[in-house]
N, C-alpha and C. Protein backbone atom coordinates (compact mmCIF):
# COMPACT_ATOMS: atom_id res chain seq x y z
N MET A 1 29.98 139.69 -113.56
CA MET A 1 30.12 138.66 -114.66
C MET A 1 28.89 138.90 -115.53
N VAL A 2 29.11 139.07 -116.83
CA VAL A 2 28.02 139.18 -117.77
C VAL A 2 28.17 138.14 -118.69
N GLN A 3 27.12 137.25 -118.83
CA GLN A 3 27.12 136.02 -119.77
C GLN A 3 26.37 136.39 -121.04
N TYR A 4 26.92 135.96 -122.18
CA TYR A 4 26.28 135.90 -123.40
C TYR A 4 25.12 136.90 -123.51
N ASN A 5 25.33 137.98 -124.32
CA ASN A 5 24.27 138.91 -124.72
C ASN A 5 24.19 139.03 -126.22
N LYS A 6 22.92 139.41 -126.52
CA LYS A 6 22.76 139.68 -128.09
C LYS A 6 22.95 141.18 -128.28
N PHE A 7 22.48 141.74 -129.31
CA PHE A 7 22.78 143.01 -129.71
C PHE A 7 22.20 144.18 -128.82
N GLU A 8 21.19 143.81 -127.93
CA GLU A 8 20.69 144.83 -126.89
C GLU A 8 21.82 145.38 -126.08
N PHE A 9 22.80 144.55 -125.85
CA PHE A 9 24.06 145.03 -125.04
C PHE A 9 24.54 146.37 -125.54
N ASN A 10 24.57 146.48 -126.93
CA ASN A 10 25.14 147.56 -127.50
C ASN A 10 24.45 148.86 -127.23
N GLU A 11 23.28 148.93 -127.11
CA GLU A 11 22.46 150.09 -126.56
C GLU A 11 22.59 150.26 -125.07
N ALA A 12 22.46 149.16 -124.33
CA ALA A 12 22.44 149.31 -122.89
C ALA A 12 23.72 149.56 -122.24
N GLN A 13 24.89 149.11 -122.95
CA GLN A 13 26.14 149.21 -122.46
C GLN A 13 26.32 148.84 -121.02
N TYR A 14 26.26 147.48 -120.85
CA TYR A 14 26.32 146.91 -119.45
C TYR A 14 27.84 146.91 -118.91
N GLY A 15 28.81 147.15 -119.77
CA GLY A 15 30.17 147.23 -119.12
C GLY A 15 30.51 148.63 -118.63
N PRO A 16 31.56 148.64 -117.95
CA PRO A 16 32.14 149.92 -117.36
C PRO A 16 32.78 150.86 -118.48
N TYR A 17 33.11 150.32 -119.67
CA TYR A 17 33.77 150.97 -120.68
C TYR A 17 32.99 150.67 -122.01
N PRO A 18 33.13 151.51 -123.07
CA PRO A 18 32.40 151.18 -124.23
C PRO A 18 32.86 149.86 -124.82
N ALA A 19 31.79 149.10 -125.30
CA ALA A 19 32.08 147.75 -125.90
C ALA A 19 30.74 147.44 -126.76
N LYS A 20 30.95 146.57 -127.81
CA LYS A 20 29.88 146.22 -128.63
C LYS A 20 29.96 144.67 -128.71
N VAL A 21 28.69 144.02 -128.67
CA VAL A 21 28.66 142.61 -128.94
C VAL A 21 28.65 142.39 -130.45
N SER A 22 29.40 141.39 -130.88
CA SER A 22 29.55 141.12 -132.39
C SER A 22 28.69 139.86 -132.70
N ALA A 23 28.65 139.55 -134.00
CA ALA A 23 28.09 138.28 -134.52
C ALA A 23 29.08 137.20 -134.48
N ASN A 24 30.30 137.41 -133.98
CA ASN A 24 31.42 136.32 -134.00
C ASN A 24 30.91 135.23 -133.05
N ARG A 25 31.24 133.98 -133.60
CA ARG A 25 31.00 132.75 -132.90
C ARG A 25 31.83 131.70 -133.35
N VAL A 26 31.94 130.64 -132.64
CA VAL A 26 32.80 129.47 -132.89
C VAL A 26 31.72 128.30 -132.60
N THR A 27 31.37 127.66 -133.77
CA THR A 27 30.30 126.68 -133.70
C THR A 27 30.86 125.30 -133.54
N ASP A 28 32.14 124.91 -133.70
CA ASP A 28 32.60 123.58 -133.53
C ASP A 28 32.96 123.49 -132.05
N GLU A 29 32.36 122.60 -131.46
CA GLU A 29 32.63 122.29 -129.94
C GLU A 29 34.04 121.83 -129.68
N LEU A 30 34.60 121.32 -130.75
CA LEU A 30 35.97 120.81 -130.67
C LEU A 30 37.05 121.90 -131.12
N ALA A 31 36.64 122.95 -131.42
CA ALA A 31 37.60 123.96 -131.88
C ALA A 31 38.74 124.26 -130.84
N PRO A 32 39.95 124.49 -131.18
CA PRO A 32 40.98 124.69 -130.26
C PRO A 32 40.77 126.06 -129.56
N VAL A 33 41.03 126.09 -128.21
CA VAL A 33 40.98 127.20 -127.36
C VAL A 33 42.46 127.52 -126.95
N THR A 34 42.82 128.83 -127.13
CA THR A 34 44.12 129.25 -126.60
C THR A 34 44.02 130.07 -125.42
N VAL A 35 44.43 129.76 -124.31
CA VAL A 35 44.50 130.55 -123.12
C VAL A 35 45.48 131.72 -123.47
N LEU A 36 45.20 132.90 -123.38
CA LEU A 36 46.25 133.94 -123.66
C LEU A 36 46.89 134.46 -122.51
N VAL A 37 46.42 134.20 -121.24
CA VAL A 37 47.07 134.59 -120.03
C VAL A 37 47.15 133.39 -119.07
N PRO A 38 47.88 132.37 -119.31
CA PRO A 38 47.73 131.05 -118.54
C PRO A 38 48.05 131.32 -117.06
N GLY A 39 48.86 132.27 -116.69
CA GLY A 39 49.13 132.41 -115.28
C GLY A 39 48.13 133.21 -114.44
N ASP A 40 47.22 133.78 -115.14
CA ASP A 40 46.17 134.50 -114.62
C ASP A 40 45.31 133.77 -113.54
N PRO A 41 44.99 134.27 -112.34
CA PRO A 41 44.19 133.46 -111.40
C PRO A 41 42.83 132.98 -111.99
N LEU A 42 42.41 133.61 -112.95
CA LEU A 42 41.03 133.11 -113.58
C LEU A 42 41.25 131.69 -114.11
N PHE A 43 42.50 131.38 -114.40
CA PHE A 43 42.80 129.96 -115.03
C PHE A 43 43.52 129.10 -114.01
N THR A 44 43.78 129.59 -112.76
CA THR A 44 44.51 128.78 -111.86
C THR A 44 43.78 128.58 -110.51
N TYR A 45 42.73 129.37 -110.17
CA TYR A 45 42.12 129.36 -108.87
C TYR A 45 40.57 129.34 -108.90
N PRO A 46 39.99 128.50 -108.26
CA PRO A 46 40.52 127.41 -107.41
C PRO A 46 40.89 126.04 -108.34
N ASN A 47 40.52 126.19 -109.66
CA ASN A 47 40.75 125.06 -110.53
C ASN A 47 41.90 125.44 -111.53
N GLU A 48 42.77 124.53 -111.88
CA GLU A 48 43.74 124.70 -112.94
C GLU A 48 42.97 124.41 -114.12
N ILE A 49 42.95 125.43 -115.08
CA ILE A 49 42.14 125.23 -116.37
C ILE A 49 43.24 125.05 -117.36
N GLY A 50 43.23 123.67 -117.77
CA GLY A 50 44.16 123.25 -118.81
C GLY A 50 43.42 122.74 -119.93
N PRO A 51 44.15 122.05 -120.86
CA PRO A 51 43.47 121.43 -122.11
C PRO A 51 42.32 120.64 -121.77
N SER A 52 42.27 119.81 -120.66
CA SER A 52 41.06 118.91 -120.39
C SER A 52 39.85 119.76 -120.17
N ALA A 53 39.89 120.98 -119.64
CA ALA A 53 38.82 121.76 -119.42
C ALA A 53 38.00 122.13 -120.66
N TRP A 54 38.54 121.99 -121.89
CA TRP A 54 37.86 122.26 -123.08
C TRP A 54 37.52 121.02 -123.77
N GLN A 55 37.60 119.91 -123.17
CA GLN A 55 37.13 118.60 -123.78
C GLN A 55 35.75 118.36 -123.44
N GLY A 56 34.98 117.68 -124.19
CA GLY A 56 33.57 117.19 -123.92
C GLY A 56 32.61 118.25 -124.10
N TRP A 57 32.88 119.39 -124.61
CA TRP A 57 31.99 120.34 -124.87
C TRP A 57 30.99 120.06 -125.92
N VAL A 58 29.70 120.49 -125.92
CA VAL A 58 28.63 120.11 -126.75
C VAL A 58 28.25 121.27 -127.65
N GLN A 59 27.87 121.03 -128.81
CA GLN A 59 27.19 121.87 -129.80
C GLN A 59 28.11 123.13 -130.29
N GLU A 60 28.61 123.86 -129.41
CA GLU A 60 29.51 124.98 -129.79
C GLU A 60 30.37 125.56 -128.68
N ARG A 61 31.31 126.33 -129.05
CA ARG A 61 32.23 126.96 -128.00
C ARG A 61 31.55 128.18 -127.46
N GLY A 62 30.96 128.98 -128.43
CA GLY A 62 30.19 130.17 -127.89
C GLY A 62 29.81 131.08 -129.01
N LEU A 63 29.25 132.14 -128.70
CA LEU A 63 28.63 133.11 -129.78
C LEU A 63 28.44 134.51 -129.11
N TYR A 64 28.14 135.44 -129.95
CA TYR A 64 27.95 136.81 -129.58
C TYR A 64 29.20 137.38 -128.65
N PHE A 65 30.39 137.10 -129.24
CA PHE A 65 31.63 137.59 -128.59
C PHE A 65 31.71 139.11 -128.58
N LEU A 66 32.41 139.66 -127.68
CA LEU A 66 32.60 141.10 -127.68
C LEU A 66 33.44 141.53 -128.99
N GLY A 67 33.06 142.60 -129.58
CA GLY A 67 33.68 143.05 -130.83
C GLY A 67 34.51 144.28 -130.56
N ASP A 68 34.17 145.33 -131.19
CA ASP A 68 34.73 146.60 -130.82
C ASP A 68 34.60 147.06 -129.41
N ARG A 69 35.82 147.40 -128.79
CA ARG A 69 35.65 147.76 -127.37
C ARG A 69 36.85 148.67 -127.00
N ASP A 70 36.72 149.24 -125.83
CA ASP A 70 37.73 150.11 -125.30
C ASP A 70 39.04 149.26 -124.99
N SER A 71 40.14 149.81 -125.12
CA SER A 71 41.47 149.26 -124.90
C SER A 71 41.60 148.69 -123.41
N ARG A 72 40.82 149.18 -122.53
CA ARG A 72 40.96 148.63 -121.11
C ARG A 72 40.54 147.30 -120.99
N TYR A 73 39.79 146.77 -121.88
CA TYR A 73 39.35 145.31 -121.88
C TYR A 73 40.45 144.42 -122.27
N ARG A 74 40.65 143.15 -121.79
CA ARG A 74 41.65 142.37 -121.98
C ARG A 74 41.09 140.95 -122.38
N ASP A 75 41.49 140.44 -123.57
CA ASP A 75 41.05 139.23 -124.01
C ASP A 75 41.87 138.04 -123.13
N LEU A 76 40.96 137.00 -122.77
CA LEU A 76 41.63 135.92 -122.01
C LEU A 76 41.94 134.75 -122.75
N VAL A 77 41.04 134.45 -123.88
CA VAL A 77 41.22 133.32 -124.72
C VAL A 77 40.94 133.71 -126.22
N SER A 78 41.51 132.84 -126.99
CA SER A 78 41.06 133.07 -128.50
C SER A 78 40.70 131.61 -129.03
N LEU A 79 39.97 131.63 -130.05
CA LEU A 79 39.32 130.48 -130.60
C LEU A 79 39.39 130.46 -132.04
N GLU A 80 39.38 129.31 -132.74
CA GLU A 80 39.30 129.36 -134.23
C GLU A 80 38.59 128.18 -134.71
N ASP A 81 37.48 128.45 -135.47
CA ASP A 81 36.60 127.42 -136.09
C ASP A 81 37.33 126.84 -137.33
N PRO A 82 37.19 125.48 -137.44
CA PRO A 82 37.86 124.95 -138.63
C PRO A 82 37.03 125.09 -139.87
N PHE A 83 35.85 125.66 -139.81
CA PHE A 83 35.03 125.71 -141.03
C PHE A 83 35.48 126.85 -141.94
N PRO A 84 35.43 126.52 -143.25
CA PRO A 84 35.92 127.51 -144.24
C PRO A 84 35.17 128.92 -144.22
N ASN A 85 33.97 128.87 -143.95
CA ASN A 85 33.18 130.04 -143.94
C ASN A 85 33.18 130.84 -142.51
N ASN A 86 33.99 130.35 -141.59
CA ASN A 86 34.19 131.02 -140.30
C ASN A 86 35.66 130.97 -139.98
N LYS A 87 36.47 131.08 -140.97
CA LYS A 87 37.90 131.02 -140.65
C LYS A 87 38.45 132.20 -139.95
N GLY A 88 39.61 131.99 -139.20
CA GLY A 88 40.31 133.08 -138.54
C GLY A 88 40.09 133.07 -137.09
N GLU A 89 41.06 133.60 -136.37
CA GLU A 89 41.12 133.64 -134.86
C GLU A 89 39.93 134.56 -134.46
N LYS A 90 39.20 134.12 -133.36
CA LYS A 90 38.18 134.85 -132.68
C LYS A 90 38.51 135.16 -131.36
N LYS A 91 38.50 136.50 -130.99
CA LYS A 91 38.62 136.92 -129.59
C LYS A 91 37.41 137.45 -129.10
N GLY A 92 37.22 137.81 -127.87
CA GLY A 92 36.03 138.39 -127.34
C GLY A 92 35.12 137.41 -126.65
N ALA A 93 35.51 136.12 -126.65
CA ALA A 93 34.64 135.10 -125.94
C ALA A 93 34.82 135.12 -124.41
N LEU A 94 35.93 135.67 -123.95
CA LEU A 94 36.09 135.65 -122.43
C LEU A 94 37.10 136.91 -122.26
N VAL A 95 36.48 137.96 -121.72
CA VAL A 95 37.12 139.27 -121.75
C VAL A 95 36.93 139.82 -120.27
N GLU A 96 38.12 140.54 -119.72
CA GLU A 96 38.02 141.01 -118.45
C GLU A 96 38.49 142.48 -118.42
N THR A 97 38.06 143.25 -117.54
CA THR A 97 38.70 144.52 -117.19
C THR A 97 38.51 144.75 -115.70
N THR A 98 39.32 145.72 -115.21
CA THR A 98 39.12 146.04 -113.78
C THR A 98 38.41 147.44 -113.75
N TYR A 99 37.68 147.68 -112.67
CA TYR A 99 36.93 148.89 -112.58
C TYR A 99 36.94 149.19 -111.10
N GLY A 100 37.48 150.31 -110.63
CA GLY A 100 37.73 150.56 -109.30
C GLY A 100 38.49 149.43 -108.66
N GLN A 101 38.04 148.80 -107.57
CA GLN A 101 38.61 147.68 -106.96
C GLN A 101 37.98 146.39 -107.38
N GLY A 102 37.20 146.39 -108.46
CA GLY A 102 36.42 145.25 -108.89
C GLY A 102 36.86 144.68 -110.23
N HIS A 103 36.18 143.75 -110.64
CA HIS A 103 36.42 143.08 -111.97
C HIS A 103 35.14 142.91 -112.69
N TRP A 104 35.20 143.18 -114.03
CA TRP A 104 34.02 142.98 -114.92
C TRP A 104 34.51 142.00 -115.91
N ILE A 105 33.65 140.83 -116.12
CA ILE A 105 34.17 139.83 -117.06
C ILE A 105 32.85 139.46 -118.06
N TYR A 106 33.21 139.59 -119.34
CA TYR A 106 32.20 139.13 -120.29
C TYR A 106 32.45 137.67 -120.63
N VAL A 107 31.41 136.84 -120.58
CA VAL A 107 31.50 135.40 -120.99
C VAL A 107 30.61 135.07 -122.25
N GLY A 108 31.26 134.98 -123.39
CA GLY A 108 30.45 134.60 -124.65
C GLY A 108 30.67 133.08 -124.87
N LEU A 109 31.37 132.44 -124.05
CA LEU A 109 31.63 131.00 -124.05
C LEU A 109 30.27 130.39 -123.70
N GLY A 110 29.89 129.22 -124.32
CA GLY A 110 28.51 128.67 -124.17
C GLY A 110 28.35 127.95 -122.88
N LEU A 111 28.60 128.55 -121.80
CA LEU A 111 28.35 127.88 -120.50
C LEU A 111 26.84 127.54 -120.26
N TRP A 112 26.04 128.29 -120.86
CA TRP A 112 24.46 127.96 -120.80
C TRP A 112 24.26 126.58 -121.45
N ARG A 113 25.03 126.12 -122.35
CA ARG A 113 24.88 124.74 -123.01
C ARG A 113 25.61 123.81 -122.22
N GLN A 114 26.83 124.04 -121.63
CA GLN A 114 27.75 123.18 -121.17
C GLN A 114 27.32 122.67 -119.76
N LEU A 115 26.74 123.60 -118.93
CA LEU A 115 26.29 123.28 -117.60
C LEU A 115 25.24 122.25 -117.59
N PRO A 116 24.14 122.41 -118.40
CA PRO A 116 23.07 121.45 -118.36
C PRO A 116 23.67 120.12 -118.82
N ALA A 117 24.59 120.08 -119.74
CA ALA A 117 25.18 118.82 -120.30
C ALA A 117 26.17 118.15 -119.39
N GLY A 118 26.58 118.87 -118.19
CA GLY A 118 27.47 118.29 -117.31
C GLY A 118 28.94 118.33 -117.68
N THR A 119 29.29 119.35 -118.52
CA THR A 119 30.64 119.40 -119.06
C THR A 119 31.61 119.85 -117.80
N ASP A 120 32.44 118.98 -117.43
CA ASP A 120 33.29 119.28 -116.27
C ASP A 120 34.10 120.47 -116.34
N GLY A 121 34.69 120.80 -117.51
CA GLY A 121 35.63 122.01 -117.73
C GLY A 121 34.75 123.21 -117.53
N ALA A 122 33.46 123.25 -118.03
CA ALA A 122 32.60 124.28 -117.80
C ALA A 122 32.34 124.70 -116.29
N TYR A 123 32.08 123.68 -115.63
CA TYR A 123 31.82 123.88 -114.16
C TYR A 123 33.15 124.48 -113.56
N GLN A 124 34.27 123.87 -113.92
CA GLN A 124 35.53 124.35 -113.25
C GLN A 124 35.79 125.83 -113.69
N LEU A 125 35.38 126.22 -114.95
CA LEU A 125 35.64 127.57 -115.34
C LEU A 125 34.68 128.50 -114.61
N LEU A 126 33.43 128.05 -114.42
CA LEU A 126 32.42 128.81 -113.71
C LEU A 126 32.82 129.05 -112.27
N ALA A 127 33.37 128.04 -111.64
CA ALA A 127 33.77 128.17 -110.22
C ALA A 127 34.99 129.22 -110.25
N ASN A 128 35.86 129.15 -111.26
CA ASN A 128 36.95 130.19 -111.24
C ASN A 128 36.40 131.63 -111.42
N LEU A 129 35.35 131.73 -112.32
CA LEU A 129 34.81 133.03 -112.61
C LEU A 129 34.23 133.60 -111.31
N ILE A 130 33.48 132.77 -110.62
CA ILE A 130 32.96 133.48 -109.48
C ILE A 130 33.84 133.52 -108.26
N SER A 131 35.01 132.99 -108.34
CA SER A 131 36.04 133.08 -107.38
C SER A 131 36.98 134.23 -107.63
N VAL A 132 36.91 134.86 -108.64
CA VAL A 132 37.80 136.00 -108.91
C VAL A 132 38.07 136.93 -107.75
N PRO A 133 37.02 137.32 -107.06
CA PRO A 133 37.23 138.33 -105.90
C PRO A 133 38.14 137.78 -104.84
N ARG A 134 38.18 136.37 -104.69
CA ARG A 134 38.95 135.75 -103.71
C ARG A 134 40.29 135.20 -104.11
N ALA A 135 40.49 135.16 -105.50
CA ALA A 135 41.74 134.62 -105.96
C ALA A 135 43.00 135.35 -105.62
N PRO A 136 44.02 134.72 -105.20
CA PRO A 136 45.27 135.29 -104.87
C PRO A 136 45.87 135.81 -106.12
N GLU A 137 46.64 136.92 -106.13
CA GLU A 137 47.26 137.45 -107.24
C GLU A 137 48.49 136.69 -107.53
N THR A 138 48.78 136.34 -108.79
CA THR A 138 50.00 135.61 -109.16
C THR A 138 50.95 136.55 -109.85
N ALA A 139 50.47 137.53 -110.48
CA ALA A 139 51.31 138.40 -111.23
C ALA A 139 50.65 139.95 -111.05
N PRO A 140 51.40 140.92 -111.20
CA PRO A 140 50.70 142.28 -111.05
C PRO A 140 49.82 142.44 -112.23
N LYS A 141 48.72 142.97 -111.76
CA LYS A 141 47.52 143.31 -112.85
C LYS A 141 47.77 144.77 -113.24
N ARG A 142 47.35 144.91 -114.50
CA ARG A 142 47.44 146.27 -115.05
C ARG A 142 46.44 147.13 -114.34
N ALA A 143 46.75 148.40 -114.09
CA ALA A 143 45.80 149.35 -113.46
C ALA A 143 44.96 150.01 -114.55
N THR A 144 43.76 150.19 -114.26
CA THR A 144 42.82 150.78 -115.11
C THR A 144 42.00 151.77 -114.40
N ALA A 145 41.46 152.82 -115.09
CA ALA A 145 40.70 153.78 -114.63
C ALA A 145 41.06 154.37 -113.26
N GLY A 146 42.46 154.50 -113.10
CA GLY A 146 42.97 155.22 -111.84
C GLY A 146 42.96 154.27 -110.75
N ALA A 147 42.73 153.00 -110.88
CA ALA A 147 42.80 152.03 -109.81
C ALA A 147 44.07 151.32 -109.80
N PRO A 148 44.92 151.41 -108.72
CA PRO A 148 46.10 150.64 -108.76
C PRO A 148 45.88 149.12 -108.69
N ALA A 149 46.94 148.40 -109.27
CA ALA A 149 46.81 146.88 -109.15
C ALA A 149 46.98 146.45 -107.71
N SER A 150 46.46 145.35 -107.39
CA SER A 150 46.63 144.83 -106.01
C SER A 150 48.08 144.28 -105.88
N PRO A 151 48.58 144.46 -104.83
CA PRO A 151 49.98 143.89 -104.48
C PRO A 151 49.99 142.38 -104.64
N ALA A 152 51.07 141.87 -105.05
CA ALA A 152 51.11 140.29 -105.19
C ALA A 152 51.07 139.76 -103.77
N GLY A 153 50.37 138.55 -103.92
CA GLY A 153 50.23 137.75 -102.70
C GLY A 153 48.95 138.17 -101.96
N LYS A 154 48.31 139.37 -102.27
CA LYS A 154 47.05 139.77 -101.58
C LYS A 154 45.95 139.16 -102.25
N LYS A 155 44.82 139.03 -101.58
CA LYS A 155 43.53 138.55 -102.25
C LYS A 155 42.93 139.73 -102.97
N ARG A 156 42.22 139.32 -104.05
CA ARG A 156 41.55 140.41 -104.82
C ARG A 156 40.34 140.89 -103.90
N SER A 157 40.06 142.15 -104.13
CA SER A 157 38.95 142.75 -103.30
C SER A 157 37.72 142.32 -104.03
N ARG A 158 36.62 142.44 -103.23
CA ARG A 158 35.20 142.06 -103.83
C ARG A 158 34.78 142.98 -104.83
N ALA A 159 34.16 142.45 -105.97
CA ALA A 159 33.88 143.39 -107.03
C ALA A 159 32.99 144.43 -106.49
N THR A 160 33.04 145.62 -107.19
CA THR A 160 32.17 146.67 -106.81
C THR A 160 31.35 147.08 -107.98
N GLN A 161 30.24 147.76 -107.75
CA GLN A 161 29.30 148.19 -108.80
C GLN A 161 29.92 149.39 -109.50
N PRO A 162 29.83 149.46 -110.85
CA PRO A 162 30.38 150.61 -111.51
C PRO A 162 29.52 151.83 -111.08
N GLU A 163 30.19 152.97 -111.03
CA GLU A 163 29.52 154.22 -110.60
C GLU A 163 28.76 154.83 -111.77
């Protein structure tokens, strides 16, 4: 799991596939969040992440979202600021890919602000993020980089380091 990075990410390439951090952000802490893959274990295990998880956030939803990236990355949420000078759907705030038998997740959501503020939904989401290797599969995952998807009903394997 990689949390919130600035443009140094673009030179270092911390992900398993090419990706660049953008200046995209959503500054309204009340901005609507759309979960793009609601049945994914990231939103169901160990906590059910529903609309209440996005309530009570402070200051902003997130910033420095992933921008241009390899097609093997998958957006998990989309957000939209209501402000006229930042209109339009923003993706890249929560992005996942598989690599070998592991998972790589980029988090541009503002967990670093939410956790000190005691935002319940941020704690629930963080618990789910760190539980990904143990989450039961609820639907077949797409295979990437020659790695087959885990069979349904099996636990996800522990994340591995990229080669």
